[in-house]
Amino acid sequence: MIEATEIKEVITEKAEELKEAAAEKVETVKEAVAEKAEEAVETVAEKAEAVKEEASEKVEEAKEAGAETVEAVKEAVAENTEKAEETMADFAEQLEETLKQGPPEDDPVWARFADLLESKEPITVKIENAVKGGVVTLVDGIRAFIPASKLANNRVENLEEYKGKEVEAIVITAEKPKKLVLSVRDALRKKKEEERAARLAECVEGAVMEGTVDSVMDYGAFIKLDNGVSGLLHVSQISYNRVEKPSDVLNKGDRITVKIIAVKDGKISLSKKALEPAPERPERAPRERREGDRPERGERGERAPRRDRGERPERGERGERRERREKEEVFNYKETGKASTSLGDLLNGLNLDE
């Protein structure tokens, strides 16, 4: 029977053997690695040297080619610089001449804006964007501004709603080169005025038209004619019968036929009684004569002679009397050393007797 001590010794011997074998293998591997490393270093060094030599050759070739290129570039730059200086000198002369002449007056775009400003002709534009205080658009490539207060007849709360819309506007400011201001509100008002003028042209004196009572006042009623124009029906033109108040015979919304009796300064005067037959006036009976009445012209006697007022003096005699009176008018002047503006002092001594 093998004892534990023997087994332990055997194991120890085997371990020593394995340890020695492993150490030998490690040494062998180290030597092999060292040899491979030396070979790799030599190879890399050889390749690096070859690359270095090739790079040096390339650098030399590049230097030679670069020198030629640099010279060519220098010559080209010098030539272009000379041409640029000549061009700048010419440009400076042209600019000086232009400044002496002032800004050109034949700019067709701004000339058109000036014509539109004078004629107040509406143009159609598209709103490009909303900005602070209004919106902007482009007219013939020029940026134009439309203030919010000029964008509509009423107050505009949201400017973004107008973005992308096409509107008609009138040029109200055109100051070259940047200030171009338009107004949509003015265009709307002009269109409304033109429409009213066209309707007003239909209202000629003597025309008979239909309308509706729009409002009733103490002095008459305003009638809105079927063409949209309003006129005044004065209380005196309502009826041949006496009308105390227009509201006694007319109410708002009543349909009525009237005749135009006058058109002046855009105001229309209407008459309803002009369409009614005038009442016949009864003939007045001759007045009975009463005692004490003055006689009729044919019954009067001959005219009594004028009361004798005395004979008027002849022209020559009247002249002599005036001349004699002027001679008798004397101012008693005494040098007293004092001045007076009293009317009594001034008239004192004046003989007013004839």
Protein backbone atom coordinates (compact mmCIF):
# COMPACT_ATOMS: atom_id res chain seq x y z
CA MET A 1 0.00 0.00 0.00
CA ILE A 2 1.42 3.35 -1.17
CA GLU A 3 1.70 5.90 1.50
CA ALA A 4 0.68 9.56 1.18
CA THR A 5 4.23 10.70 1.59
CA GLU A 6 5.30 8.85 -1.51
CA ILE A 7 2.39 10.24 -3.53
CA LYS A 8 3.30 13.73 -2.47
CA GLU A 9 6.89 13.25 -3.57
CA VAL A 10 5.83 11.89 -6.95
CA ILE A 11 3.52 14.86 -7.53
CA THR A 12 6.23 17.27 -6.54
CA GLU A 13 8.67 15.70 -8.98
CA LYS A 14 6.13 15.87 -11.83
CA ALA A 15 5.39 19.51 -11.06
CA GLU A 16 9.06 20.36 -11.16
CA GLU A 17 9.42 18.62 -14.51
CA LEU A 18 6.43 20.46 -16.00
CA LYS A 19 7.74 23.75 -14.66
CA GLU A 20 11.13 23.19 -16.28
CA ALA A 21 9.52 22.22 -19.59
CA ALA A 22 7.30 25.32 -19.58
CA ALA A 23 10.26 27.56 -18.83
CA GLU A 24 12.13 26.06 -21.78
CA LYS A 25 9.18 26.67 -24.08
CA VAL A 26 8.81 30.27 -22.90
CA GLU A 27 12.48 30.92 -23.62
CA THR A 28 12.08 29.39 -27.05
CA VAL A 29 9.06 31.59 -27.81
CA LYS A 30 10.85 34.70 -26.57
CA GLU A 31 13.78 34.03 -28.86
CA ALA A 32 11.47 33.46 -31.83
CA VAL A 33 9.52 36.69 -31.12
CA ALA A 34 12.71 38.67 -30.74
CA GLU A 35 13.97 37.40 -34.08
CA LYS A 36 10.67 38.27 -35.78
CA ALA A 37 10.66 41.71 -34.22
CA GLU A 38 14.18 42.41 -35.41
CA GLU A 39 13.25 41.28 -38.91
CA ALA A 40 10.12 43.51 -38.85
CA VAL A 41 12.10 46.51 -37.65
CA GLU A 42 14.65 46.01 -40.38
CA THR A 43 11.88 45.68 -42.98
CA VAL A 44 10.09 48.81 -41.79
CA ALA A 45 13.33 50.74 -41.72
CA GLU A 46 14.11 49.68 -45.26
CA LYS A 47 10.63 50.65 -46.46
CA ALA A 48 10.76 53.97 -44.61
CA GLU A 49 14.09 54.76 -46.20
CA ALA A 50 12.69 53.94 -49.62
CA VAL A 51 9.66 56.11 -49.02
CA LYS A 52 11.85 58.90 -47.76
CA GLU A 53 14.02 58.80 -50.82
CA GLU A 54 10.96 58.75 -53.10
CA ALA A 55 9.42 61.64 -51.21
CA SER A 56 12.60 63.66 -51.50
CA GLU A 57 12.56 63.14 -55.24
CA LYS A 58 8.95 64.25 -55.45
CA VAL A 59 9.67 67.30 -53.32
CA GLU A 60 12.52 68.32 -55.58
CA GLU A 61 10.35 67.88 -58.66
CA ALA A 62 7.54 69.88 -57.00
CA LYS A 63 9.94 72.65 -56.04
CA GLU A 64 11.17 72.95 -59.61
CA ALA A 65 7.61 72.93 -61.00
CA GLY A 66 6.40 75.26 -58.22
CA ALA A 67 9.05 77.84 -58.95
CA GLU A 68 7.90 78.02 -62.54
CA THR A 69 4.22 78.19 -61.47
CA VAL A 70 4.85 80.91 -58.91
CA GLU A 71 6.62 83.02 -61.48
CA ALA A 72 3.72 82.54 -63.89
CA VAL A 73 1.22 83.44 -61.19
CA LYS A 74 3.20 86.53 -60.24
CA GLU A 75 3.26 87.68 -63.85
CA ALA A 76 -0.51 87.05 -64.22
CA VAL A 77 -1.29 88.88 -60.97
CA ALA A 78 0.82 91.86 -61.98
CA GLU A 79 -0.90 92.00 -65.37
CA ASN A 80 -4.40 91.71 -63.87
CA THR A 81 -3.57 94.29 -61.20
CA GLU A 82 -2.53 96.75 -63.87
CA LYS A 83 -5.75 96.13 -65.80
CA ALA A 84 -7.82 96.47 -62.59
CA GLU A 85 -6.17 99.79 -61.79
CA GLU A 86 -6.96 101.06 -65.29
CA THR A 87 -10.57 99.85 -64.95
CA MET A 88 -10.97 101.49 -61.53
CA ALA A 89 -9.59 104.74 -62.88
CA ASP A 90 -12.11 104.66 -65.73
CA PHE A 91 -14.90 103.80 -63.29
CA ALA A 92 -13.91 106.69 -61.02
CA GLU A 93 -14.09 109.10 -63.97
CA GLN A 94 -17.52 107.77 -65.01
CA LEU A 95 -18.76 107.95 -61.42
CA GLU A 96 -17.59 111.54 -61.10
CA GLU A 97 -19.37 112.47 -64.34
CA THR A 98 -22.53 110.74 -63.16
CA LEU A 99 -22.47 112.58 -59.83
CA LYS A 100 -22.05 115.88 -61.66
CA GLN A 101 -25.09 115.09 -63.82
CA GLY A 102 -27.21 114.13 -60.78
CA PRO A 103 -29.56 111.16 -60.46
CA PRO A 104 -31.12 109.92 -63.69
CA GLU A 105 -34.58 111.29 -64.35
CA ASP A 106 -35.58 108.68 -66.92
CA ASP A 107 -36.11 105.76 -64.53
CA PRO A 108 -39.19 104.16 -66.11
CA VAL A 109 -40.29 102.40 -62.91
CA TRP A 110 -40.29 105.50 -60.70
CA ALA A 111 -41.64 107.58 -63.58
CA ARG A 112 -44.64 105.24 -63.61
CA PHE A 113 -45.04 105.62 -59.84
CA ALA A 114 -45.04 109.42 -60.27
CA ASP A 115 -47.79 109.12 -62.91
CA LEU A 116 -49.83 106.84 -60.64
CA LEU A 117 -49.39 109.29 -57.76
CA GLU A 118 -50.78 112.11 -59.89
CA SER A 119 -53.59 110.19 -61.60
CA LYS A 120 -54.70 108.25 -58.48
CA GLU A 121 -55.30 105.24 -60.73
CA PRO A 122 -55.77 102.02 -58.71
CA ILE A 123 -53.38 99.12 -59.24
CA THR A 124 -53.77 95.47 -58.24
CA VAL A 125 -51.12 94.13 -55.85
CA LYS A 126 -50.61 90.95 -53.83
CA ILE A 127 -49.84 91.22 -50.11
CA GLU A 128 -46.49 89.49 -49.52
CA ASN A 129 -46.08 89.72 -45.77
CA ALA A 130 -47.30 91.39 -42.59
CA VAL A 131 -44.88 93.64 -40.71
CA LYS A 132 -45.08 96.01 -37.78
CA GLY A 133 -47.67 98.68 -38.51
CA GLY A 134 -48.90 97.29 -41.84
CA VAL A 135 -48.19 94.97 -44.75
CA VAL A 136 -45.71 94.94 -47.64
CA THR A 137 -46.03 94.12 -51.31
CA LEU A 138 -43.93 94.36 -54.48
CA VAL A 139 -44.75 96.69 -57.36
CA ASP A 140 -42.53 96.28 -60.43
CA GLY A 141 -39.87 94.79 -58.16
CA ILE A 142 -39.98 97.70 -55.70
CA ARG A 143 -40.99 97.07 -52.08
CA ALA A 144 -44.15 99.01 -51.16
CA PHE A 145 -45.66 99.55 -47.72
CA ILE A 146 -49.37 99.72 -46.87
CA PRO A 147 -50.05 101.09 -43.35
CA ALA A 148 -52.65 99.25 -41.28
CA SER A 149 -54.74 102.43 -41.17
CA LYS A 150 -54.83 102.44 -45.00
CA LEU A 151 -55.62 98.75 -45.46
CA ALA A 152 -59.43 98.92 -45.15
CA ASN A 153 -62.31 101.26 -44.38
CA ASN A 154 -62.59 99.77 -40.89
CA ARG A 155 -59.95 99.01 -38.24
CA VAL A 156 -57.84 95.94 -39.06
CA GLU A 157 -57.19 93.71 -36.05
CA ASN A 158 -55.24 90.83 -37.67
CA LEU A 159 -52.78 91.77 -40.43
CA GLU A 160 -51.91 88.12 -41.08
CA GLU A 161 -55.37 87.60 -42.62
CA TYR A 162 -54.35 89.77 -45.57
CA LYS A 163 -51.22 87.79 -46.40
CA GLY A 164 -51.48 86.37 -49.93
CA LYS A 165 -54.58 88.43 -50.83
CA GLU A 166 -54.86 90.58 -53.96
CA VAL A 167 -56.17 94.09 -53.38
CA GLU A 168 -56.56 97.32 -55.32
CA ALA A 169 -54.49 100.22 -53.99
CA ILE A 170 -53.56 103.79 -54.87
CA VAL A 171 -50.05 105.28 -54.70
CA ILE A 172 -50.06 108.03 -52.04
CA THR A 173 -46.28 108.50 -51.64
CA ALA A 174 -43.51 107.91 -54.20
CA GLU A 175 -40.10 109.17 -53.11
CA LYS A 176 -37.18 107.63 -54.97
CA PRO A 177 -35.30 105.44 -54.28
CA LYS A 178 -36.97 103.53 -51.44
CA LYS A 179 -40.17 105.15 -50.17
CA LEU A 180 -43.29 103.80 -51.87
CA VAL A 181 -46.55 103.89 -49.87
CA LEU A 182 -49.94 102.60 -51.04
CA SER A 183 -53.51 102.93 -49.71
CA VAL A 184 -56.30 100.39 -50.14
CA ARG A 185 -58.78 102.60 -48.27
CA ASP A 186 -58.35 105.45 -50.75
CA ALA A 187 -58.94 103.03 -53.62
CA LEU A 188 -62.16 101.80 -51.99
CA ARG A 189 -63.37 105.36 -51.43
CA LYS A 190 -62.59 106.34 -55.01
CA LYS A 191 -64.48 103.33 -56.33
CA LYS A 192 -67.47 104.20 -54.13
CA GLU A 193 -67.41 107.82 -55.33
CA GLU A 194 -67.26 106.72 -58.97
CA GLU A 195 -70.20 104.39 -58.47
CA ARG A 196 -72.19 107.17 -56.78
CA ALA A 197 -71.29 109.60 -59.58
CA ALA A 198 -72.55 107.07 -62.13
CA ARG A 199 -75.82 106.66 -60.22
CA LEU A 200 -76.10 110.39 -59.75
CA ALA A 201 -75.80 110.88 -63.50
CA GLU A 202 -79.07 108.97 -63.86
CA CYS A 203 -80.82 111.52 -61.64
CA VAL A 204 -81.75 114.32 -64.03
CA GLU A 205 -84.18 117.10 -63.28
CA GLY A 206 -87.73 116.10 -64.20
CA ALA A 207 -87.15 112.33 -63.84
CA VAL A 208 -89.78 110.34 -61.94
CA MET A 209 -88.33 107.57 -59.74
CA GLU A 210 -89.35 105.05 -57.11
CA GLY A 211 -87.81 104.99 -53.66
CA THR A 212 -88.13 104.12 -49.99
CA VAL A 213 -88.45 106.48 -47.04
CA ASP A 214 -85.08 106.17 -45.28
CA SER A 215 -85.58 108.64 -42.41
CA VAL A 216 -88.15 111.24 -41.34
CA MET A 217 -87.14 114.64 -39.94
CA ASP A 218 -89.07 117.72 -38.83
CA TYR A 219 -88.18 119.53 -42.06
CA GLY A 220 -88.83 116.64 -44.43
CA ALA A 221 -87.86 113.08 -45.28
CA PHE A 222 -84.83 111.46 -46.90
CA ILE A 223 -85.78 109.11 -49.72
CA LYS A 224 -83.40 106.38 -50.86
CA LEU A 225 -84.06 105.95 -54.57
CA ASP A 226 -83.95 102.53 -56.15
CA ASN A 227 -80.59 103.32 -57.80
CA GLY A 228 -78.99 103.81 -54.36
CA VAL A 229 -78.87 107.61 -54.28
CA SER A 230 -80.63 109.54 -51.50
CA GLY A 231 -82.57 112.78 -51.90
CA LEU A 232 -84.50 115.19 -49.70
CA LEU A 233 -88.27 115.49 -49.85
CA HIS A 234 -88.92 118.80 -48.12
CA VAL A 235 -92.06 119.19 -46.05
CA SER A 236 -93.31 121.85 -48.48
CA GLN A 237 -93.07 119.34 -51.35
CA ILE A 238 -95.01 116.49 -49.75
CA SER A 239 -98.53 117.63 -50.63
CA TYR A 240 -100.60 120.60 -51.71
CA ASN A 241 -102.48 120.17 -48.48
CA ARG A 242 -100.85 121.69 -45.42
CA VAL A 243 -98.56 119.22 -43.61
CA GLU A 244 -97.56 120.14 -40.08
CA LYS A 245 -95.14 117.24 -39.54
CA PRO A 246 -93.75 114.86 -42.19
CA SER A 247 -94.20 112.01 -39.70
CA ASP A 248 -97.98 112.57 -39.91
CA VAL A 249 -98.06 111.31 -43.50
CA LEU A 250 -94.78 109.38 -43.97
CA ASN A 251 -93.18 106.48 -42.11
CA LYS A 252 -89.76 104.88 -42.47
CA GLY A 253 -89.86 102.05 -45.01
CA ASP A 254 -92.82 103.45 -47.00
CA ARG A 255 -92.58 103.04 -50.77
CA ILE A 256 -93.04 106.35 -52.60
CA THR A 257 -92.96 107.82 -56.09
CA VAL A 258 -91.23 111.19 -56.40
CA LYS A 259 -90.08 113.63 -59.03
CA ILE A 260 -86.61 115.16 -59.15
CA ILE A 261 -87.01 118.94 -59.15
CA ALA A 262 -83.37 119.99 -58.65
CA VAL A 263 -79.82 118.55 -58.69
CA LYS A 264 -77.04 120.76 -57.33
CA ASP A 265 -73.60 119.96 -55.90
CA GLY A 266 -74.48 116.28 -55.60
CA LYS A 267 -77.65 117.01 -53.63
CA ILE A 268 -81.05 115.98 -54.96
CA SER A 269 -84.33 117.75 -54.19
CA LEU A 270 -87.48 115.69 -54.57
CA SER A 271 -91.18 116.47 -54.79
CA LYS A 272 -94.24 114.33 -54.28
CA LYS A 273 -96.82 117.03 -54.81
CA ALA A 274 -95.36 117.73 -58.28
CA LEU A 275 -96.97 114.44 -59.35
CA GLU A 276 -100.37 115.45 -57.95
CA PRO A 277 -102.86 117.62 -59.81
CA ALA A 278 -102.80 121.18 -58.55
CA PRO A 279 -106.10 122.14 -56.85
CA GLU A 280 -108.21 124.73 -58.63
CA ARG A 281 -108.41 128.08 -56.92
CA PRO A 282 -111.94 129.55 -56.66
CA GLU A 283 -112.44 132.89 -58.38
CA ARG A 284 -112.63 135.83 -55.98
CA ALA A 285 -115.94 137.75 -56.04
CA PRO A 286 -115.59 141.51 -56.66
CA ARG A 287 -115.55 143.51 -53.45
CA GLU A 288 -118.53 145.71 -52.79
CA ARG A 289 -117.76 149.38 -52.54
CA ARG A 290 -118.29 151.07 -49.22
CA GLU A 291 -118.72 154.63 -48.16
CA GLY A 292 -115.38 156.29 -47.60
CA ASP A 293 -113.50 154.11 -50.12
CA ARG A 294 -111.04 155.91 -52.33
CA PRO A 295 -112.34 156.46 -55.86
CA GLU A 296 -111.13 154.22 -58.64
CA ARG A 297 -108.48 155.53 -60.97
CA GLY A 298 -111.02 156.28 -63.66
CA GLU A 299 -113.36 157.99 -61.18
CA ARG A 300 -110.77 160.37 -59.77
CA GLY A 301 -110.92 164.02 -60.70
CA GLU A 302 -108.16 166.07 -62.16
CA ARG A 303 -105.06 166.41 -60.13
CA ALA A 304 -104.98 169.50 -57.88
CA PRO A 305 -102.30 172.03 -58.73
CA ARG A 306 -99.17 171.98 -56.62
CA ARG A 307 -99.12 174.11 -53.56
CA ASP A 308 -97.32 177.40 -54.18
CA ARG A 309 -94.02 177.13 -52.40
CA GLY A 310 -92.56 180.32 -53.73
CA GLU A 311 -90.41 180.83 -56.70
CA ARG A 312 -87.09 179.07 -56.62
CA PRO A 313 -84.14 181.40 -57.20
CA GLU A 314 -82.38 181.19 -60.49
CA ARG A 315 -79.04 179.39 -60.68
CA GLY A 316 -77.02 182.60 -61.06
CA GLU A 317 -78.66 184.26 -58.06
CA ARG A 318 -78.02 181.21 -55.86
CA GLY A 319 -74.32 181.27 -56.79
CA GLU A 320 -74.00 184.94 -55.87
CA ARG A 321 -75.58 184.36 -52.46
CA ARG A 322 -73.19 181.44 -51.72
CA GLU A 323 -70.16 183.55 -52.71
CA ARG A 324 -71.30 186.46 -50.52
CA ARG A 325 -71.80 184.12 -47.55
CA GLU A 326 -68.31 182.68 -47.89
CA LYS A 327 -66.84 186.20 -47.82
CA GLU A 328 -68.72 187.06 -44.63
CA GLU A 329 -67.41 183.93 -42.78
CA VAL A 330 -64.56 185.23 -40.61
CA PHE A 331 -62.46 183.44 -37.98
CA ASN A 332 -61.47 185.86 -35.17
CA TYR A 333 -57.94 184.57 -34.59
CA LYS A 334 -55.96 185.92 -31.62
CA GLU A 335 -52.47 184.83 -30.70
CA THR A 336 -52.83 183.78 -27.06
CA GLY A 337 -49.98 181.25 -26.80
CA LYS A 338 -52.29 178.33 -26.00
CA ALA A 339 -53.83 175.58 -28.06
CA SER A 340 -57.35 174.21 -27.74
CA THR A 341 -59.18 171.29 -29.30
CA SER A 342 -62.55 172.24 -27.86
CA LEU A 343 -65.31 172.33 -30.47
CA GLY A 344 -66.64 175.54 -28.89
CA ASP A 345 -63.23 177.24 -29.16
CA LEU A 346 -62.82 176.12 -32.76
CA LEU A 347 -66.25 177.41 -33.79
CA ASN A 348 -66.01 180.60 -31.71
CA GLY A 349 -66.09 183.62 -33.99
CA LEU A 350 -67.47 181.69 -36.95
CA ASN A 351 -70.30 183.77 -38.49
CA LEU A 352 -72.98 181.36 -39.61
CA ASP A 353 -75.49 184.03 -40.54
CA GLU A 354 -76.43 184.33 -44.18
